[in-house]
Amino acid sequence: MTTYERNQKYRNQAIAIHGDSCKACGFNFGEYYGEYAEGFIHIHHSVPVSTYEEPRALNPEVDLVPLCANCHSIVHRRKDKTLSVDELKTMIQSASGDV
């Protein structure tokens, strides 16, 4: 098993590029909870870290996506299937009747 250390630099770059709202549902912790939660967001690896054969450089623009805690949990809910952000967005739209 390859161990992979997450890098705060990439997290910060991803937030600078994508913002701190969830890319699946649009939730923003700062808008909902106020100043205390401003800037809080999970950062999701588009390609699961567990599939990396060896450590590699990341491109925060394409490899990292901000997701709220709920969406991030659902993306990883099943060990045998990590959902893509597009799949998750489709699920959200379908469940809300927006499809």
PDB file of N, CA and C in Angstrom:
ATOM      1  N   MET A   1       0.840  -1.188   0.000  1.00  0.00           N
ATOM      2  CA  MET A   1       0.000   0.000   0.000  1.00  0.00           C
ATOM      3  C   MET A   1       0.882   1.248   0.000  1.00  0.00           C
ATOM      4  N   THR A   2       0.552   2.179  -0.851  1.00  0.00           N
ATOM      5  CA  THR A   2       1.285   3.432  -0.930  1.00  0.00           C
ATOM      6  C   THR A   2       0.671   4.424   0.049  1.00  0.00           C
ATOM      7  N   THR A   3       1.518   5.068   0.827  1.00  0.00           N
ATOM      8  CA  THR A   3       1.007   6.123   1.690  1.00  0.00           C
ATOM      9  C   THR A   3       1.178   7.439   0.947  1.00  0.00           C
ATOM     10  N   TYR A   4       0.243   8.322   1.151  1.00  0.00           N
ATOM     11  CA  TYR A   4       0.249   9.585   0.436  1.00  0.00           C
ATOM     12  C   TYR A   4      -0.047  10.689   1.433  1.00  0.00           C
ATOM     13  N   GLU A   5       0.824  11.648   1.529  1.00  0.00           N
ATOM     14  CA  GLU A   5       0.628  12.732   2.470  1.00  0.00           C
ATOM     15  C   GLU A   5      -0.043  13.900   1.765  1.00  0.00           C
ATOM     16  N   ARG A   6      -1.152  14.336   2.320  1.00  0.00           N
ATOM     17  CA  ARG A   6      -1.867  15.461   1.734  1.00  0.00           C
ATOM     18  C   ARG A   6      -1.083  16.748   1.996  1.00  0.00           C
ATOM     19  N   ASN A   7      -1.121  17.652   1.047  1.00  0.00           N
ATOM     20  CA  ASN A   7      -0.307  18.846   1.100  1.00  0.00           C
ATOM     21  C   ASN A   7      -1.205  20.088   1.216  1.00  0.00           C
ATOM     22  N   GLN A   8      -1.014  20.851   2.273  1.00  0.00           N
ATOM     23  CA  GLN A   8      -1.808  22.048   2.527  1.00  0.00           C
ATOM     24  C   GLN A   8      -1.697  23.048   1.375  1.00  0.00           C
ATOM     25  N   LYS A   9      -0.548  23.069   0.711  1.00  0.00           N
ATOM     26  CA  LYS A   9      -0.340  23.974  -0.423  1.00  0.00           C
ATOM     27  C   LYS A   9      -1.373  23.690  -1.524  1.00  0.00           C
ATOM     28  N   TYR A  10      -1.581  22.403  -1.831  1.00  0.00           N
ATOM     29  CA  TYR A  10      -2.549  22.043  -2.864  1.00  0.00           C
ATOM     30  C   TYR A  10      -3.968  22.403  -2.442  1.00  0.00           C
ATOM     31  N   ARG A  11      -4.268  22.192  -1.174  1.00  0.00           N
ATOM     32  CA  ARG A  11      -5.587  22.553  -0.650  1.00  0.00           C
ATOM     33  C   ARG A  11      -5.828  24.054  -0.845  1.00  0.00           C
ATOM     34  N   ASN A  12      -4.871  24.853  -0.445  1.00  0.00           N
ATOM     35  CA  ASN A  12      -5.003  26.308  -0.570  1.00  0.00           C
ATOM     36  C   ASN A  12      -5.142  26.730  -2.034  1.00  0.00           C
ATOM     37  N   GLN A  13      -4.373  26.098  -2.919  1.00  0.00           N
ATOM     38  CA  GLN A  13      -4.468  26.410  -4.344  1.00  0.00           C
ATOM     39  C   GLN A  13      -5.843  26.031  -4.886  1.00  0.00           C
ATOM     40  N   ALA A  14      -6.360  24.874  -4.469  1.00  0.00           N
ATOM     41  CA  ALA A  14      -7.683  24.433  -4.937  1.00  0.00           C
ATOM     42  C   ALA A  14      -8.760  25.424  -4.513  1.00  0.00           C
ATOM     43  N   ILE A  15      -8.694  25.914  -3.295  1.00  0.00           N
ATOM     44  CA  ILE A  15      -9.678  26.885  -2.810  1.00  0.00           C
ATOM     45  C   ILE A  15      -9.522  28.208  -3.556  1.00  0.00           C
ATOM     46  N   ALA A  16      -8.283  28.615  -3.822  1.00  0.00           N
ATOM     47  CA  ALA A  16      -8.059  29.852  -4.579  1.00  0.00           C
ATOM     48  C   ALA A  16      -8.640  29.742  -5.991  1.00  0.00           C
ATOM     49  N   ILE A  17      -8.550  28.561  -6.597  1.00  0.00           N
ATOM     50  CA  ILE A  17      -9.037  28.345  -7.961  1.00  0.00           C
ATOM     51  C   ILE A  17     -10.550  28.158  -7.990  1.00  0.00           C
ATOM     52  N   HIS A  18     -11.060  27.272  -7.123  1.00  0.00           N
ATOM     53  CA  HIS A  18     -12.462  26.840  -7.185  1.00  0.00           C
ATOM     54  C   HIS A  18     -13.395  27.544  -6.204  1.00  0.00           C
ATOM     55  N   GLY A  19     -12.826  28.204  -5.209  1.00  0.00           N
ATOM     56  CA  GLY A  19     -13.655  28.818  -4.175  1.00  0.00           C
ATOM     57  C   GLY A  19     -13.940  27.842  -3.053  1.00  0.00           C
ATOM     58  N   ASP A  20     -14.749  28.287  -2.087  1.00  0.00           N
ATOM     59  CA  ASP A  20     -15.008  27.453  -0.917  1.00  0.00           C
ATOM     60  C   ASP A  20     -16.473  27.022  -0.809  1.00  0.00           C
ATOM     61  N   SER A  21     -17.161  26.983  -1.944  1.00  0.00           N
ATOM     62  CA  SER A  21     -18.510  26.433  -1.996  1.00  0.00           C
ATOM     63  C   SER A  21     -18.446  25.035  -2.608  1.00  0.00           C
ATOM     64  N   CYS A  22     -19.342  24.164  -2.174  1.00  0.00           N
ATOM     65  CA  CYS A  22     -19.397  22.794  -2.672  1.00  0.00           C
ATOM     66  C   CYS A  22     -19.714  22.792  -4.168  1.00  0.00           C
ATOM     67  N   LYS A  23     -18.910  22.092  -4.946  1.00  0.00           N
ATOM     68  CA  LYS A  23     -19.114  22.016  -6.397  1.00  0.00           C
ATOM     69  C   LYS A  23     -20.255  21.093  -6.777  1.00  0.00           C
ATOM     70  N   ALA A  24     -20.777  20.331  -5.846  1.00  0.00           N
ATOM     71  CA  ALA A  24     -21.902  19.448  -6.150  1.00  0.00           C
ATOM     72  C   ALA A  24     -23.236  20.093  -5.802  1.00  0.00           C
ATOM     73  N   CYS A  25     -23.352  20.645  -4.596  1.00  0.00           N
ATOM     74  CA  CYS A  25     -24.649  21.170  -4.148  1.00  0.00           C
ATOM     75  C   CYS A  25     -24.670  22.680  -3.940  1.00  0.00           C
ATOM     76  N   GLY A  26     -23.488  23.316  -3.953  1.00  0.00           N
ATOM     77  CA  GLY A  26     -23.422  24.762  -3.791  1.00  0.00           C
ATOM     78  C   GLY A  26     -23.357  25.258  -2.352  1.00  0.00           C
ATOM     79  N   PHE A  27     -23.408  24.348  -1.377  1.00  0.00           N
ATOM     80  CA  PHE A  27     -23.391  24.761   0.029  1.00  0.00           C
ATOM     81  C   PHE A  27     -22.111  25.513   0.359  1.00  0.00           C
ATOM     82  N   ASN A  28     -22.237  26.567   1.157  1.00  0.00           N
ATOM     83  CA  ASN A  28     -21.095  27.350   1.616  1.00  0.00           C
ATOM     84  C   ASN A  28     -21.195  27.478   3.130  1.00  0.00           C
ATOM     85  N   PHE A  29     -20.220  26.938   3.834  1.00  0.00           N
ATOM     86  CA  PHE A  29     -20.240  26.942   5.298  1.00  0.00           C
ATOM     87  C   PHE A  29     -20.284  28.355   5.873  1.00  0.00           C
ATOM     88  N   GLY A  30     -19.506  29.274   5.303  1.00  0.00           N
ATOM     89  CA  GLY A  30     -19.470  30.645   5.805  1.00  0.00           C
ATOM     90  C   GLY A  30     -20.800  31.358   5.651  1.00  0.00           C
ATOM     91  N   GLU A  31     -21.472  31.137   4.520  1.00  0.00           N
ATOM     92  CA  GLU A  31     -22.776  31.763   4.306  1.00  0.00           C
ATOM     93  C   GLU A  31     -23.821  31.213   5.272  1.00  0.00           C
ATOM     94  N   TYR A  32     -23.722  29.931   5.607  1.00  0.00           N
ATOM     95  CA  TYR A  32     -24.722  29.298   6.468  1.00  0.00           C
ATOM     96  C   TYR A  32     -24.455  29.540   7.946  1.00  0.00           C
ATOM     97  N   TYR A  33     -23.189  29.377   8.375  1.00  0.00           N
ATOM     98  CA  TYR A  33     -22.843  29.473   9.793  1.00  0.00           C
ATOM     99  C   TYR A  33     -22.234  30.814  10.192  1.00  0.00           C
ATOM    100  N   GLY A  34     -21.873  31.621   9.220  1.00  0.00           N
ATOM    101  CA  GLY A  34     -21.287  32.915   9.537  1.00  0.00           C
ATOM    102  C   GLY A  34     -19.771  32.883   9.556  1.00  0.00           C
ATOM    103  N   GLU A  35     -19.224  33.954  10.089  1.00  0.00           N
ATOM    104  CA  GLU A  35     -17.786  34.200  10.066  1.00  0.00           C
ATOM    105  C   GLU A  35     -16.956  33.031  10.608  1.00  0.00           C
ATOM    106  N   TYR A  36     -17.449  32.388  11.652  1.00  0.00           N
ATOM    107  CA  TYR A  36     -16.709  31.287  12.274  1.00  0.00           C
ATOM    108  C   TYR A  36     -16.356  30.197  11.266  1.00  0.00           C
ATOM    109  N   ALA A  37     -17.232  29.934  10.321  1.00  0.00           N
ATOM    110  CA  ALA A  37     -17.043  28.833   9.370  1.00  0.00           C
ATOM    111  C   ALA A  37     -16.517  29.280   8.009  1.00  0.00           C
ATOM    112  N   GLU A  38     -16.240  30.562   7.833  1.00  0.00           N
ATOM    113  CA  GLU A  38     -15.753  31.058   6.542  1.00  0.00           C
ATOM    114  C   GLU A  38     -14.507  30.306   6.100  1.00  0.00           C
ATOM    115  N   GLY A  39     -14.501  29.890   4.844  1.00  0.00           N
ATOM    116  CA  GLY A  39     -13.349  29.215   4.268  1.00  0.00           C
ATOM    117  C   GLY A  39     -13.291  27.719   4.525  1.00  0.00           C
ATOM    118  N   PHE A  40     -14.211  27.197   5.353  1.00  0.00           N
ATOM    119  CA  PHE A  40     -14.193  25.765   5.636  1.00  0.00           C
ATOM    120  C   PHE A  40     -14.815  25.000   4.476  1.00  0.00           C
ATOM    121  N   ILE A  41     -14.145  23.966   4.025  1.00  0.00           N
ATOM    122  CA  ILE A  41     -14.646  23.102   2.953  1.00  0.00           C
ATOM    123  C   ILE A  41     -13.752  21.865   2.905  1.00  0.00           C
ATOM    124  N   HIS A  42     -14.297  20.734   2.524  1.00  0.00           N
ATOM    125  CA  HIS A  42     -13.486  19.546   2.269  1.00  0.00           C
ATOM    126  C   HIS A  42     -12.927  19.654   0.855  1.00  0.00           C
ATOM    127  N   ILE A  43     -11.766  19.071   0.643  1.00  0.00           N
ATOM    128  CA  ILE A  43     -11.178  19.029  -0.697  1.00  0.00           C
ATOM    129  C   ILE A  43     -11.121  17.565  -1.126  1.00  0.00           C
ATOM    130  N   HIS A  44     -11.786  17.284  -2.234  1.00  0.00           N
ATOM    131  CA  HIS A  44     -11.903  15.923  -2.765  1.00  0.00           C
ATOM    132  C   HIS A  44     -10.904  15.717  -3.894  1.00  0.00           C
ATOM    133  N   HIS A  45     -10.239  14.568  -3.884  1.00  0.00           N
ATOM    134  CA  HIS A  45      -9.352  14.175  -4.984  1.00  0.00           C
ATOM    135  C   HIS A  45     -10.200  13.516  -6.056  1.00  0.00           C
ATOM    136  N   SER A  46     -10.209  14.059  -7.245  1.00  0.00           N
ATOM    137  CA  SER A  46     -11.008  13.511  -8.344  1.00  0.00           C
ATOM    138  C   SER A  46     -10.651  12.054  -8.623  1.00  0.00           C
ATOM    139  N   VAL A  47      -9.383  11.732  -8.519  1.00  0.00           N
ATOM    140  CA  VAL A  47      -8.920  10.344  -8.613  1.00  0.00           C
ATOM    141  C   VAL A  47      -8.562   9.932  -7.186  1.00  0.00           C
ATOM    142  N   PRO A  48      -9.234   8.922  -6.638  1.00  0.00           N
ATOM    143  CA  PRO A  48      -8.992   8.555  -5.233  1.00  0.00           C
ATOM    144  C   PRO A  48      -7.514   8.304  -4.927  1.00  0.00           C
ATOM    145  N   VAL A  49      -7.052   8.866  -3.826  1.00  0.00           N
ATOM    146  CA  VAL A  49      -5.662   8.713  -3.405  1.00  0.00           C
ATOM    147  C   VAL A  49      -5.318   7.233  -3.254  1.00  0.00           C
ATOM    148  N   SER A  50      -6.273   6.424  -2.845  1.00  0.00           N
ATOM    149  CA  SER A  50      -6.021   4.991  -2.638  1.00  0.00           C
ATOM    150  C   SER A  50      -5.648   4.268  -3.928  1.00  0.00           C
ATOM    151  N   THR A  51      -5.912   4.875  -5.079  1.00  0.00           N
ATOM    152  CA  THR A  51      -5.581   4.228  -6.355  1.00  0.00           C
ATOM    153  C   THR A  51      -4.202   4.626  -6.873  1.00  0.00           C
ATOM    154  N   TYR A  52      -3.552   5.574  -6.215  1.00  0.00           N
ATOM    155  CA  TYR A  52      -2.226   5.997  -6.659  1.00  0.00           C
ATOM    156  C   TYR A  52      -1.234   4.863  -6.458  1.00  0.00           C
ATOM    157  N   GLU A  53      -0.486   4.548  -7.484  1.00  0.00           N
ATOM    158  CA  GLU A  53       0.558   3.531  -7.384  1.00  0.00           C
ATOM    159  C   GLU A  53       1.780   4.106  -6.649  1.00  0.00           C
ATOM    160  N   GLU A  54       1.983   5.393  -6.810  1.00  0.00           N
ATOM    161  CA  GLU A  54       3.096   6.079  -6.160  1.00  0.00           C
ATOM    162  C   GLU A  54       2.707   7.539  -5.990  1.00  0.00           C
ATOM    163  N   PRO A  55       3.353   8.238  -5.054  1.00  0.00           N
ATOM    164  CA  PRO A  55       3.036   9.658  -4.891  1.00  0.00           C
ATOM    165  C   PRO A  55       3.246  10.405  -6.203  1.00  0.00           C
ATOM    166  N   ARG A  56       2.401  11.385  -6.443  1.00  0.00           N
ATOM    167  CA  ARG A  56       2.523  12.145  -7.687  1.00  0.00           C
ATOM    168  C   ARG A  56       2.132  13.591  -7.445  1.00  0.00           C
ATOM    169  N   ALA A  57       2.600  14.447  -8.315  1.00  0.00           N
ATOM    170  CA  ALA A  57       2.237  15.854  -8.231  1.00  0.00           C
ATOM    171  C   ALA A  57       0.779  16.010  -8.648  1.00  0.00           C
ATOM    172  N   LEU A  58       0.109  16.941  -8.039  1.00  0.00           N
ATOM    173  CA  LEU A  58      -1.292  17.197  -8.348  1.00  0.00           C
ATOM    174  C   LEU A  58      -1.444  18.534  -9.048  1.00  0.00           C
ATOM    175  N   ASN A  59      -2.453  18.620  -9.879  1.00  0.00           N
ATOM    176  CA  ASN A  59      -2.848  19.885 -10.471  1.00  0.00           C
ATOM    177  C   ASN A  59      -4.151  20.273  -9.774  1.00  0.00           C
ATOM    178  N   PRO A  60      -4.126  21.244  -8.866  1.00  0.00           N
ATOM    179  CA  PRO A  60      -5.317  21.597  -8.096  1.00  0.00           C
ATOM    180  C   PRO A  60      -6.513  22.003  -8.960  1.00  0.00           C
ATOM    181  N   GLU A  61      -6.246  22.459 -10.167  1.00  0.00           N
ATOM    182  CA  GLU A  61      -7.340  22.883 -11.045  1.00  0.00           C
ATOM    183  C   GLU A  61      -8.183  21.701 -11.527  1.00  0.00           C
ATOM    184  N   VAL A  62      -7.551  20.566 -11.780  1.00  0.00           N
ATOM    185  CA  VAL A  62      -8.283  19.407 -12.317  1.00  0.00           C
ATOM    186  C   VAL A  62      -8.346  18.221 -11.358  1.00  0.00           C
ATOM    187  N   ASP A  63      -7.407  18.117 -10.429  1.00  0.00           N
ATOM    188  CA  ASP A  63      -7.351  16.960  -9.539  1.00  0.00           C
ATOM    189  C   ASP A  63      -8.081  17.149  -8.215  1.00  0.00           C
ATOM    190  N   LEU A  64      -8.369  18.378  -7.843  1.00  0.00           N
ATOM    191  CA  LEU A  64      -8.978  18.655  -6.541  1.00  0.00           C
ATOM    192  C   LEU A  64     -10.269  19.450  -6.711  1.00  0.00           C
ATOM    193  N   VAL A  65     -11.278  19.089  -5.908  1.00  0.00           N
ATOM    194  CA  VAL A  65     -12.595  19.710  -6.008  1.00  0.00           C
ATOM    195  C   VAL A  65     -13.125  19.986  -4.606  1.00  0.00           C
ATOM    196  N   PRO A  66     -13.600  21.200  -4.329  1.00  0.00           N
ATOM    197  CA  PRO A  66     -14.199  21.464  -3.023  1.00  0.00           C
ATOM    198  C   PRO A  66     -15.591  20.830  -2.924  1.00  0.00           C
ATOM    199  N   LEU A  67     -15.811  20.091  -1.847  1.00  0.00           N
ATOM    200  CA  LEU A  67     -17.107  19.487  -1.567  1.00  0.00           C
ATOM    201  C   LEU A  67     -17.455  19.712  -0.097  1.00  0.00           C
ATOM    202  N   CYS A  68     -18.740  19.896   0.187  1.00  0.00           N
ATOM    203  CA  CYS A  68     -19.158  19.984   1.584  1.00  0.00           C
ATOM    204  C   CYS A  68     -18.988  18.609   2.221  1.00  0.00           C
ATOM    205  N   ALA A  69     -19.058  18.548   3.528  1.00  0.00           N
ATOM    206  CA  ALA A  69     -18.855  17.284   4.240  1.00  0.00           C
ATOM    207  C   ALA A  69     -19.875  16.229   3.815  1.00  0.00           C
ATOM    208  N   ASN A  70     -21.126  16.626   3.624  1.00  0.00           N
ATOM    209  CA  ASN A  70     -22.149  15.651   3.223  1.00  0.00           C
ATOM    210  C   ASN A  70     -21.858  15.083   1.843  1.00  0.00           C
ATOM    211  N   CYS A  71     -21.617  15.945   0.876  1.00  0.00           N
ATOM    212  CA  CYS A  71     -21.345  15.471  -0.485  1.00  0.00           C
ATOM    213  C   CYS A  71     -20.074  14.628  -0.527  1.00  0.00           C
ATOM    214  N   HIS A  72     -19.056  15.033   0.219  1.00  0.00           N
ATOM    215  CA  HIS A  72     -17.814  14.273   0.240  1.00  0.00           C
ATOM    216  C   HIS A  72     -18.049  12.871   0.806  1.00  0.00           C
ATOM    217  N   SER A  73     -18.879  12.781   1.824  1.00  0.00           N
ATOM    218  CA  SER A  73     -19.200  11.471   2.405  1.00  0.00           C
ATOM    219  C   SER A  73     -19.948  10.590   1.414  1.00  0.00           C
ATOM    220  N   ILE A  74     -20.885  11.163   0.692  1.00  0.00           N
ATOM    221  CA  ILE A  74     -21.665  10.379  -0.269  1.00  0.00           C
ATOM    222  C   ILE A  74     -20.796   9.918  -1.439  1.00  0.00           C
ATOM    223  N   VAL A  75     -19.899  10.764  -1.913  1.00  0.00           N
ATOM    224  CA  VAL A  75     -18.996  10.388  -2.998  1.00  0.00           C
ATOM    225  C   VAL A  75     -18.206   9.130  -2.621  1.00  0.00           C
ATOM    226  N   HIS A  76     -17.824   9.023  -1.341  1.00  0.00           N
ATOM    227  CA  HIS A  76     -16.999   7.899  -0.874  1.00  0.00           C
ATOM    228  C   HIS A  76     -17.810   6.851  -0.106  1.00  0.00           C
ATOM    229  N   ARG A  77     -19.117   6.881  -0.204  1.00  0.00           N
ATOM    230  CA  ARG A  77     -19.967   5.997   0.607  1.00  0.00           C
ATOM    231  C   ARG A  77     -19.674   4.522   0.382  1.00  0.00           C
ATOM    232  N   ARG A  78     -19.432   4.131  -0.842  1.00  0.00           N
ATOM    233  CA  ARG A  78     -19.162   2.724  -1.156  1.00  0.00           C
ATOM    234  C   ARG A  78     -17.697   2.539  -1.526  1.00  0.00           C
ATOM    235  N   LYS A  79     -17.076   1.582  -0.879  1.00  0.00           N
ATOM    236  CA  LYS A  79     -15.648   1.340  -1.117  1.00  0.00           C
ATOM    237  C   LYS A  79     -15.362   0.888  -2.543  1.00  0.00           C
ATOM    238  N   ASP A  80     -16.330   0.233  -3.173  1.00  0.00           N
ATOM    239  CA  ASP A  80     -16.101  -0.290  -4.521  1.00  0.00           C
ATOM    240  C   ASP A  80     -16.461   0.699  -5.619  1.00  0.00           C
ATOM    241  N   LYS A  81     -16.979   1.879  -5.259  1.00  0.00           N
ATOM    242  CA  LYS A  81     -17.390   2.856  -6.279  1.00  0.00           C
ATOM    243  C   LYS A  81     -17.312   4.264  -5.705  1.00  0.00           C
ATOM    244  N   THR A  82     -16.327   5.019  -6.159  1.00  0.00           N
ATOM    245  CA  THR A  82     -16.257   6.436  -5.813  1.00  0.00           C
ATOM    246  C   THR A  82     -16.994   7.189  -6.900  1.00  0.00           C
ATOM    247  N   LEU A  83     -18.007   7.947  -6.507  1.00  0.00           N
ATOM    248  CA  LEU A  83     -18.778   8.707  -7.481  1.00  0.00           C
ATOM    249  C   LEU A  83     -17.971   9.882  -8.017  1.00  0.00           C
ATOM    250  N   SER A  84     -18.205  10.242  -9.251  1.00  0.00           N
ATOM    251  CA  SER A  84     -17.645  11.478  -9.777  1.00  0.00           C
ATOM    252  C   SER A  84     -18.530  12.627  -9.296  1.00  0.00           C
ATOM    253  N   VAL A  85     -18.024  13.828  -9.364  1.00  0.00           N
ATOM    254  CA  VAL A  85     -18.821  14.992  -8.972  1.00  0.00           C
ATOM    255  C   VAL A  85     -20.027  15.121  -9.904  1.00  0.00           C
ATOM    256  N   ASP A  86     -19.855  14.837 -11.179  1.00  0.00           N
ATOM    257  CA  ASP A  86     -20.990  14.892 -12.107  1.00  0.00           C
ATOM    258  C   ASP A  86     -22.066  13.869 -11.746  1.00  0.00           C
ATOM    259  N   GLU A  87     -21.655  12.659 -11.371  1.00  0.00           N
ATOM    260  CA  GLU A  87     -22.635  11.655 -10.943  1.00  0.00           C
ATOM    261  C   GLU A  87     -23.395  12.130  -9.708  1.00  0.00           C
ATOM    262  N   LEU A  88     -22.678  12.722  -8.775  1.00  0.00           N
ATOM    263  CA  LEU A  88     -23.309  13.230  -7.553  1.00  0.00           C
ATOM    264  C   LEU A  88     -24.277  14.363  -7.876  1.00  0.00           C
ATOM    265  N   LYS A  89     -23.885  15.274  -8.749  1.00  0.00           N
ATOM    266  CA  LYS A  89     -24.767  16.373  -9.147  1.00  0.00           C
ATOM    267  C   LYS A  89     -26.051  15.834  -9.788  1.00  0.00           C
ATOM    268  N   THR A  90     -25.927  14.807 -10.605  1.00  0.00           N
ATOM    269  CA  THR A  90     -27.089  14.182 -11.231  1.00  0.00           C
ATOM    270  C   THR A  90     -28.006  13.581 -10.169  1.00  0.00           C
ATOM    271  N   MET A  91     -27.417  12.918  -9.173  1.00  0.00           N
ATOM    272  CA  MET A  91     -28.211  12.348  -8.079  1.00  0.00           C
ATOM    273  C   MET A  91     -28.974  13.438  -7.338  1.00  0.00           C
ATOM    274  N   ILE A  92     -28.301  14.540  -7.053  1.00  0.00           N
ATOM    275  CA  ILE A  92     -28.922  15.648  -6.318  1.00  0.00           C
ATOM    276  C   ILE A  92     -30.071  16.224  -7.139  1.00  0.00           C
ATOM    277  N   GLN A  93     -29.839  16.460  -8.414  1.00  0.00           N
ATOM    278  CA  GLN A  93     -30.875  17.014  -9.292  1.00  0.00           C
ATOM    279  C   GLN A  93     -32.058  16.061  -9.398  1.00  0.00           C
ATOM    280  N   SER A  94     -31.766  14.769  -9.515  1.00  0.00           N
ATOM    281  CA  SER A  94     -32.829  13.770  -9.630  1.00  0.00           C
ATOM    282  C   SER A  94     -33.664  13.709  -8.350  1.00  0.00           C
ATOM    283  N   ALA A  95     -32.997  13.716  -7.207  1.00  0.00           N
ATOM    284  CA  ALA A  95     -33.701  13.635  -5.921  1.00  0.00           C
ATOM    285  C   ALA A  95     -34.537  14.883  -5.655  1.00  0.00           C
ATOM    286  N   SER A  96     -34.085  16.020  -6.175  1.00  0.00           N
ATOM    287  CA  SER A  96     -34.827  17.269  -5.941  1.00  0.00           C
ATOM    288  C   SER A  96     -35.867  17.546  -7.022  1.00  0.00           C
ATOM    289  N   GLY A  97     -35.913  16.662  -8.026  1.00  0.00           N
ATOM    290  CA  GLY A  97     -36.881  16.822  -9.104  1.00  0.00           C
ATOM    291  C   GLY A  97     -36.487  17.835 -10.153  1.00  0.00           C
ATOM    292  N   ASP A  98     -35.216  18.217 -10.187  1.00  0.00           N
ATOM    293  CA  ASP A  98     -34.734  19.216 -11.141  1.00  0.00           C
ATOM    294  C   ASP A  98     -34.309  18.621 -12.483  1.00  0.00           C
ATOM    295  N   VAL A  99     -34.465  17.304 -12.639  1.00  0.00           N
ATOM    296  CA  VAL A  99     -34.026  16.676 -13.901  1.00  0.00           C
ATOM    297  C   VAL A  99     -35.144  16.643 -14.901  1.00  0.00           C
TER     298      VAL A  99
END
